[in-house]
Amino acid sequence: MLKILEKKPDDVAALNALGYTLVDRTQRYDEAAKYLGKAIELQPDEPVIVDSYGWLLYKQGKLALALEYLRKAYEKQPENEIAAHIAEVLWEMGDKKQARELFDAAFKKSPDDEYLLEFKKRFLQNGQ
């Protein structure tokens, strides 16, 4: 991704992919913020980018703001990964009822989805 960005510093797909990977797989949130901030500046209404930025905010502990971004992304593109992100933020905010409702609706449609199964494993199968 860095090689792509060297040649095309405004490549939104590369900015988002690198930023999201840093958020999801590492704790290099400041570095991720640089890439995702630029991506969202270039395409502020792209649901995938809005989701990535919301996930970054969640990982930074900015739960209410993260929820705003994630809901905005989900309104435009109701994907399972985004639903799982929202459910996790709601869960962490203490709104387990709403998290379960969102999860249940998405899971009913896609019971084999990897993101939903991961949420179920981490939050619902522990008797919580």
N, C-alpha and C. Protein backbone atom coordinates (compact mmCIF):
# COMPACT_ATOMS: atom_id res chain seq x y z
N MET A 1 0.82 -1.19 0.00
CA MET A 1 0.00 0.00 0.00
C MET A 1 0.87 1.27 0.00
N LEU A 2 1.95 1.22 0.77
CA LEU A 2 2.82 2.40 0.81
C LEU A 2 3.41 2.72 -0.55
N LYS A 3 3.73 1.66 -1.31
CA LYS A 3 4.28 1.89 -2.65
C LYS A 3 3.24 2.54 -3.56
N ILE A 4 2.02 2.10 -3.43
CA ILE A 4 0.93 2.71 -4.21
C ILE A 4 0.79 4.18 -3.83
N LEU A 5 0.81 4.45 -2.52
CA LEU A 5 0.63 5.83 -2.05
C LEU A 5 1.82 6.73 -2.40
N GLU A 6 3.00 6.14 -2.57
CA GLU A 6 4.15 6.93 -3.03
C GLU A 6 3.88 7.48 -4.43
N LYS A 7 3.29 6.64 -5.27
CA LYS A 7 3.00 7.04 -6.64
C LYS A 7 1.71 7.84 -6.76
N LYS A 8 0.73 7.48 -5.95
CA LYS A 8 -0.59 8.11 -5.99
C LYS A 8 -1.02 8.45 -4.57
N PRO A 9 -0.56 9.57 -4.03
CA PRO A 9 -0.86 9.89 -2.62
C PRO A 9 -2.34 10.13 -2.32
N ASP A 10 -3.15 10.34 -3.36
CA ASP A 10 -4.58 10.54 -3.15
C ASP A 10 -5.41 9.32 -3.55
N ASP A 11 -4.79 8.15 -3.60
CA ASP A 11 -5.51 6.93 -3.93
C ASP A 11 -6.36 6.54 -2.71
N VAL A 12 -7.64 6.84 -2.80
CA VAL A 12 -8.54 6.67 -1.66
C VAL A 12 -8.64 5.20 -1.24
N ALA A 13 -8.66 4.31 -2.19
CA ALA A 13 -8.76 2.89 -1.85
C ALA A 13 -7.53 2.44 -1.05
N ALA A 14 -6.36 2.87 -1.47
CA ALA A 14 -5.14 2.50 -0.75
C ALA A 14 -5.08 3.17 0.62
N LEU A 15 -5.47 4.44 0.69
CA LEU A 15 -5.50 5.15 1.98
C LEU A 15 -6.41 4.42 2.96
N ASN A 16 -7.59 4.04 2.48
CA ASN A 16 -8.56 3.36 3.33
C ASN A 16 -8.07 1.96 3.73
N ALA A 17 -7.56 1.23 2.77
CA ALA A 17 -7.09 -0.14 3.07
C ALA A 17 -5.97 -0.13 4.10
N LEU A 18 -5.01 0.76 3.90
CA LEU A 18 -3.89 0.83 4.84
C LEU A 18 -4.36 1.31 6.21
N GLY A 19 -5.17 2.37 6.21
CA GLY A 19 -5.66 2.90 7.48
C GLY A 19 -6.49 1.88 8.25
N TYR A 20 -7.40 1.21 7.56
CA TYR A 20 -8.25 0.23 8.24
C TYR A 20 -7.42 -0.94 8.76
N THR A 21 -6.47 -1.40 7.97
CA THR A 21 -5.62 -2.50 8.42
C THR A 21 -4.86 -2.12 9.68
N LEU A 22 -4.34 -0.90 9.72
CA LEU A 22 -3.62 -0.44 10.92
C LEU A 22 -4.55 -0.38 12.13
N VAL A 23 -5.79 0.02 11.92
CA VAL A 23 -6.75 0.10 13.02
C VAL A 23 -7.14 -1.29 13.49
N ASP A 24 -7.43 -2.16 12.54
CA ASP A 24 -8.00 -3.46 12.88
C ASP A 24 -6.97 -4.49 13.34
N ARG A 25 -5.74 -4.37 12.86
CA ARG A 25 -4.74 -5.40 13.13
C ARG A 25 -3.60 -4.94 14.04
N THR A 26 -3.53 -3.64 14.32
CA THR A 26 -2.47 -3.10 15.17
C THR A 26 -3.08 -2.09 16.13
N GLN A 27 -2.22 -1.44 16.88
CA GLN A 27 -2.66 -0.32 17.72
C GLN A 27 -2.00 0.97 17.27
N ARG A 28 -1.66 1.03 16.00
CA ARG A 28 -1.00 2.21 15.43
C ARG A 28 -2.06 3.20 14.95
N TYR A 29 -2.86 3.66 15.90
CA TYR A 29 -4.01 4.49 15.58
C TYR A 29 -3.63 5.87 15.06
N ASP A 30 -2.57 6.44 15.56
CA ASP A 30 -2.15 7.76 15.06
C ASP A 30 -1.76 7.68 13.59
N GLU A 31 -1.04 6.64 13.24
CA GLU A 31 -0.66 6.44 11.85
C GLU A 31 -1.89 6.18 10.98
N ALA A 32 -2.80 5.36 11.49
CA ALA A 32 -4.04 5.06 10.77
C ALA A 32 -4.85 6.33 10.55
N ALA A 33 -4.88 7.19 11.57
CA ALA A 33 -5.65 8.43 11.48
C ALA A 33 -5.15 9.32 10.34
N LYS A 34 -3.86 9.28 10.10
CA LYS A 34 -3.29 10.08 9.00
C LYS A 34 -3.89 9.61 7.66
N TYR A 35 -3.92 8.32 7.44
CA TYR A 35 -4.42 7.78 6.18
C TYR A 35 -5.95 7.90 6.07
N LEU A 36 -6.64 7.54 7.13
CA LEU A 36 -8.10 7.59 7.09
C LEU A 36 -8.62 9.02 7.07
N GLY A 37 -7.92 9.91 7.76
CA GLY A 37 -8.31 11.33 7.73
C GLY A 37 -8.24 11.88 6.33
N LYS A 38 -7.20 11.51 5.60
CA LYS A 38 -7.05 11.97 4.22
C LYS A 38 -8.12 11.33 3.33
N ALA A 39 -8.38 10.05 3.54
CA ALA A 39 -9.40 9.35 2.74
C ALA A 39 -10.77 9.96 2.94
N ILE A 40 -11.12 10.26 4.18
CA ILE A 40 -12.46 10.80 4.45
C ILE A 40 -12.56 12.25 3.97
N GLU A 41 -11.43 12.93 3.96
CA GLU A 41 -11.40 14.30 3.42
C GLU A 41 -11.67 14.26 1.91
N LEU A 42 -11.12 13.27 1.23
CA LEU A 42 -11.29 13.14 -0.22
C LEU A 42 -12.66 12.60 -0.61
N GLN A 43 -13.20 11.68 0.19
CA GLN A 43 -14.50 11.08 -0.11
C GLN A 43 -15.33 10.95 1.17
N PRO A 44 -15.86 12.06 1.66
CA PRO A 44 -16.54 12.06 2.96
C PRO A 44 -17.86 11.29 3.00
N ASP A 45 -18.41 10.94 1.85
CA ASP A 45 -19.69 10.24 1.84
C ASP A 45 -19.59 8.78 1.41
N GLU A 46 -18.38 8.29 1.24
CA GLU A 46 -18.19 6.90 0.82
C GLU A 46 -18.36 6.00 2.05
N PRO A 47 -19.39 5.13 2.05
CA PRO A 47 -19.68 4.33 3.24
C PRO A 47 -18.51 3.49 3.77
N VAL A 48 -17.73 2.91 2.90
CA VAL A 48 -16.62 2.08 3.35
C VAL A 48 -15.60 2.92 4.12
N ILE A 49 -15.36 4.11 3.64
CA ILE A 49 -14.41 5.01 4.30
C ILE A 49 -14.99 5.54 5.61
N VAL A 50 -16.26 5.89 5.59
CA VAL A 50 -16.93 6.37 6.80
C VAL A 50 -16.91 5.28 7.88
N ASP A 51 -17.12 4.03 7.46
CA ASP A 51 -17.05 2.90 8.40
C ASP A 51 -15.63 2.78 8.98
N SER A 52 -14.63 2.83 8.11
CA SER A 52 -13.24 2.72 8.59
C SER A 52 -12.91 3.82 9.58
N TYR A 53 -13.35 5.03 9.27
CA TYR A 53 -13.08 6.16 10.16
C TYR A 53 -13.82 5.99 11.50
N GLY A 54 -15.05 5.50 11.42
CA GLY A 54 -15.80 5.23 12.64
C GLY A 54 -15.15 4.16 13.49
N TRP A 55 -14.58 3.15 12.84
CA TRP A 55 -13.88 2.08 13.56
C TRP A 55 -12.64 2.62 14.24
N LEU A 56 -11.95 3.52 13.57
CA LEU A 56 -10.79 4.18 14.18
C LEU A 56 -11.22 4.94 15.43
N LEU A 57 -12.28 5.71 15.33
CA LEU A 57 -12.77 6.47 16.48
C LEU A 57 -13.12 5.54 17.64
N TYR A 58 -13.73 4.41 17.33
CA TYR A 58 -14.05 3.43 18.36
C TYR A 58 -12.78 2.94 19.05
N LYS A 59 -11.80 2.57 18.27
CA LYS A 59 -10.56 2.07 18.83
C LYS A 59 -9.83 3.13 19.66
N GLN A 60 -10.08 4.39 19.33
CA GLN A 60 -9.49 5.50 20.09
C GLN A 60 -10.31 5.83 21.34
N GLY A 61 -11.41 5.13 21.54
CA GLY A 61 -12.24 5.35 22.72
C GLY A 61 -13.27 6.45 22.58
N LYS A 62 -13.48 6.93 21.38
CA LYS A 62 -14.46 8.00 21.11
C LYS A 62 -15.77 7.36 20.67
N LEU A 63 -16.43 6.72 21.61
CA LEU A 63 -17.55 5.85 21.28
C LEU A 63 -18.74 6.57 20.66
N ALA A 64 -19.16 7.67 21.23
CA ALA A 64 -20.34 8.38 20.70
C ALA A 64 -20.09 8.88 19.28
N LEU A 65 -18.93 9.44 19.05
CA LEU A 65 -18.59 9.92 17.71
C LEU A 65 -18.44 8.75 16.74
N ALA A 66 -17.85 7.66 17.20
CA ALA A 66 -17.72 6.46 16.37
C ALA A 66 -19.09 5.97 15.93
N LEU A 67 -20.02 5.95 16.87
CA LEU A 67 -21.37 5.48 16.56
C LEU A 67 -22.03 6.35 15.49
N GLU A 68 -21.82 7.65 15.55
CA GLU A 68 -22.37 8.55 14.52
C GLU A 68 -21.85 8.17 13.14
N TYR A 69 -20.55 8.01 13.03
CA TYR A 69 -19.95 7.66 11.74
C TYR A 69 -20.42 6.29 11.26
N LEU A 70 -20.44 5.32 12.15
CA LEU A 70 -20.83 3.97 11.76
C LEU A 70 -22.29 3.91 11.33
N ARG A 71 -23.15 4.62 12.02
CA ARG A 71 -24.57 4.65 11.62
C ARG A 71 -24.74 5.33 10.26
N LYS A 72 -23.98 6.38 10.04
CA LYS A 72 -24.02 7.07 8.73
C LYS A 72 -23.61 6.10 7.63
N ALA A 73 -22.56 5.34 7.85
CA ALA A 73 -22.10 4.36 6.86
C ALA A 73 -23.17 3.29 6.63
N TYR A 74 -23.78 2.82 7.72
CA TYR A 74 -24.76 1.75 7.62
C TYR A 74 -26.03 2.19 6.90
N GLU A 75 -26.41 3.45 7.09
CA GLU A 75 -27.58 3.99 6.38
C GLU A 75 -27.37 3.93 4.87
N LYS A 76 -26.17 4.22 4.44
CA LYS A 76 -25.87 4.24 3.01
C LYS A 76 -25.56 2.85 2.46
N GLN A 77 -25.02 1.99 3.31
CA GLN A 77 -24.59 0.67 2.85
C GLN A 77 -24.75 -0.32 4.00
N PRO A 78 -25.92 -0.92 4.15
CA PRO A 78 -26.18 -1.82 5.28
C PRO A 78 -25.49 -3.18 5.14
N GLU A 79 -24.19 -3.17 5.36
CA GLU A 79 -23.39 -4.40 5.26
C GLU A 79 -23.19 -5.01 6.64
N ASN A 80 -22.94 -6.31 6.64
CA ASN A 80 -22.77 -7.04 7.89
C ASN A 80 -21.58 -6.56 8.71
N GLU A 81 -20.48 -6.24 8.06
CA GLU A 81 -19.31 -5.77 8.80
C GLU A 81 -19.63 -4.48 9.55
N ILE A 82 -20.35 -3.59 8.89
CA ILE A 82 -20.72 -2.33 9.54
C ILE A 82 -21.70 -2.61 10.68
N ALA A 83 -22.64 -3.51 10.46
CA ALA A 83 -23.58 -3.89 11.53
C ALA A 83 -22.83 -4.44 12.74
N ALA A 84 -21.84 -5.27 12.49
CA ALA A 84 -21.05 -5.83 13.59
C ALA A 84 -20.27 -4.73 14.31
N HIS A 85 -19.75 -3.77 13.56
CA HIS A 85 -19.05 -2.64 14.18
C HIS A 85 -19.99 -1.84 15.08
N ILE A 86 -21.18 -1.54 14.57
CA ILE A 86 -22.15 -0.78 15.36
C ILE A 86 -22.53 -1.57 16.61
N ALA A 87 -22.80 -2.86 16.44
CA ALA A 87 -23.19 -3.69 17.59
C ALA A 87 -22.10 -3.68 18.66
N GLU A 88 -20.84 -3.76 18.23
CA GLU A 88 -19.75 -3.76 19.20
C GLU A 88 -19.67 -2.42 19.94
N VAL A 89 -19.83 -1.32 19.23
CA VAL A 89 -19.80 -0.01 19.88
C VAL A 89 -20.96 0.12 20.86
N LEU A 90 -22.15 -0.27 20.42
CA LEU A 90 -23.31 -0.22 21.32
C LEU A 90 -23.08 -1.07 22.56
N TRP A 91 -22.54 -2.25 22.36
CA TRP A 91 -22.25 -3.16 23.48
C TRP A 91 -21.30 -2.49 24.47
N GLU A 92 -20.24 -1.91 23.95
CA GLU A 92 -19.25 -1.25 24.80
C GLU A 92 -19.83 -0.02 25.50
N MET A 93 -20.84 0.60 24.88
CA MET A 93 -21.49 1.76 25.49
C MET A 93 -22.53 1.33 26.53
N GLY A 94 -22.75 0.03 26.64
CA GLY A 94 -23.70 -0.48 27.62
C GLY A 94 -25.10 -0.70 27.08
N ASP A 95 -25.31 -0.45 25.79
CA ASP A 95 -26.63 -0.64 25.19
C ASP A 95 -26.70 -2.03 24.56
N LYS A 96 -26.67 -3.03 25.42
CA LYS A 96 -26.63 -4.41 24.96
C LYS A 96 -27.92 -4.82 24.26
N LYS A 97 -29.02 -4.24 24.68
CA LYS A 97 -30.31 -4.57 24.05
C LYS A 97 -30.31 -4.15 22.59
N GLN A 98 -29.92 -2.94 22.32
CA GLN A 98 -29.90 -2.46 20.94
C GLN A 98 -28.84 -3.20 20.12
N ALA A 99 -27.71 -3.51 20.74
CA ALA A 99 -26.66 -4.27 20.05
C ALA A 99 -27.18 -5.63 19.63
N ARG A 100 -27.90 -6.30 20.55
CA ARG A 100 -28.46 -7.62 20.23
C ARG A 100 -29.51 -7.53 19.13
N GLU A 101 -30.34 -6.50 19.18
CA GLU A 101 -31.38 -6.34 18.16
C GLU A 101 -30.76 -6.16 16.77
N LEU A 102 -29.76 -5.31 16.69
CA LEU A 102 -29.09 -5.08 15.40
C LEU A 102 -28.41 -6.37 14.94
N PHE A 103 -27.70 -7.00 15.85
CA PHE A 103 -27.03 -8.26 15.53
C PHE A 103 -28.04 -9.30 15.05
N ASP A 104 -29.12 -9.49 15.80
CA ASP A 104 -30.11 -10.52 15.46
C ASP A 104 -30.70 -10.29 14.07
N ALA A 105 -31.00 -9.05 13.74
CA ALA A 105 -31.57 -8.74 12.42
C ALA A 105 -30.57 -9.08 11.31
N ALA A 106 -29.33 -8.70 11.50
CA ALA A 106 -28.31 -8.98 10.48
C ALA A 106 -28.01 -10.48 10.41
N PHE A 107 -27.92 -11.12 11.58
CA PHE A 107 -27.58 -12.55 11.63
C PHE A 107 -28.68 -13.41 11.01
N LYS A 108 -29.92 -12.99 11.17
CA LYS A 108 -31.04 -13.73 10.58
C LYS A 108 -30.89 -13.79 9.06
N LYS A 109 -30.41 -12.70 8.46
CA LYS A 109 -30.23 -12.64 7.01
C LYS A 109 -28.95 -13.35 6.56
N SER A 110 -27.92 -13.32 7.40
CA SER A 110 -26.61 -13.84 7.00
C SER A 110 -25.96 -14.63 8.15
N PRO A 111 -26.48 -15.81 8.46
CA PRO A 111 -25.95 -16.56 9.61
C PRO A 111 -24.53 -17.10 9.43
N ASP A 112 -24.00 -17.04 8.24
CA ASP A 112 -22.64 -17.54 8.00
C ASP A 112 -21.62 -16.40 7.85
N ASP A 113 -22.05 -15.17 8.05
CA ASP A 113 -21.14 -14.03 7.86
C ASP A 113 -20.03 -14.02 8.91
N GLU A 114 -18.79 -13.91 8.45
CA GLU A 114 -17.63 -13.98 9.35
C GLU A 114 -17.63 -12.88 10.40
N TYR A 115 -18.03 -11.66 10.04
CA TYR A 115 -18.01 -10.55 11.00
C TYR A 115 -19.07 -10.75 12.08
N LEU A 116 -20.24 -11.22 11.67
CA LEU A 116 -21.30 -11.47 12.64
C LEU A 116 -20.96 -12.66 13.54
N LEU A 117 -20.37 -13.68 12.97
CA LEU A 117 -19.96 -14.83 13.78
C LEU A 117 -18.88 -14.44 14.79
N GLU A 118 -17.99 -13.57 14.39
CA GLU A 118 -16.95 -13.10 15.31
C GLU A 118 -17.57 -12.29 16.46
N PHE A 119 -18.53 -11.42 16.14
CA PHE A 119 -19.22 -10.67 17.19
C PHE A 119 -19.94 -11.63 18.14
N LYS A 120 -20.63 -12.60 17.58
CA LYS A 120 -21.36 -13.58 18.39
C LYS A 120 -20.39 -14.30 19.33
N LYS A 121 -19.28 -14.74 18.79
CA LYS A 121 -18.28 -15.46 19.59
C LYS A 121 -17.73 -14.59 20.72
N ARG A 122 -17.40 -13.35 20.41
CA ARG A 122 -16.76 -12.48 21.40
C ARG A 122 -17.72 -11.92 22.43
N PHE A 123 -18.98 -11.70 22.06
CA PHE A 123 -19.88 -11.00 22.97
C PHE A 123 -21.09 -11.80 23.43
N LEU A 124 -21.59 -12.69 22.62
CA LEU A 124 -22.85 -13.34 22.96
C LEU A 124 -22.70 -14.76 23.49
N GLN A 125 -21.61 -15.43 23.19
CA GLN A 125 -21.47 -16.82 23.64
C GLN A 125 -20.81 -16.94 25.00
N ASN A 126 -20.50 -15.83 25.61
CA ASN A 126 -19.87 -15.86 26.93
C ASN A 126 -20.89 -15.65 28.04
N GLY A 127 -22.17 -15.80 27.70
CA GLY A 127 -23.21 -15.64 28.70
C GLY A 127 -23.43 -14.20 29.12
N GLN A 128 -22.99 -13.29 28.28
CA GLN A 128 -23.14 -11.87 28.64
C GLN A 128 -24.51 -11.37 28.30
